Amino acid sequence: MSTVPAEVEASIDQIQYEETGEFPVERGYVWTTCASVENGNPLFWDDAVAAEITGGPIAAPTMLSVWFRPHHWSPGRDEQPMPLQVHFDLKQIFGLPEAVMTDNTIIFHEPVRPGDRLRTRQLLRSVSEPKTTKLGTGRFWVIDVEYLNQNDELVGVESYTGFGYQRAS
């Protein structure tokens, strides 16, 4: 018999926290990011190369989550948004004050291009029964964050495995 509350079971595979990013994808961010790690891939710097390989300029795929990280301040916003809200909801529901991410996988789909306005949505995929590890006793959960462009094309999926726990006394 499952000890996962019915409200949590009912939320599995349901879209939650669908949000549109606060700013469009722009090349200045791409160039700054590439410069900061000395990524000289001509795909991100040379329009002719980008046109030949991907049909035009794209953002570095590893920047997928950059386009959704909210600014710490924005006019008219009363409170700072929390990234990966489903994770924090689960910590609260289960009364687990500590948590770590134990795995993160990204699957890329359509390329992200300058001018795209990305939208994300979170999906809880699973919640384990209680487990005890060296950290303490808690539960593992898997959350997918799907990224879509303004044309509703899937551009990527980040999958997180988290472990919320209570430290051993």
Foldseek 3Di string as FASTA:
>chain_A
DDPDDPVVVVQAQPWDDKFWFPDFDALVVQVVVCVVVVNPPVCSPPQVVVCVPQNGHFHDLVCVCVRRQHDCDDPPDDHGDDPPVVVVVVCVVFVFPDKDWPDKDKDFDRTHHTPWIKIKIKHWNDKDGWDQDQQAIFIKTKMKIWIATPVRHTGMIMIIIMTGHDGDD
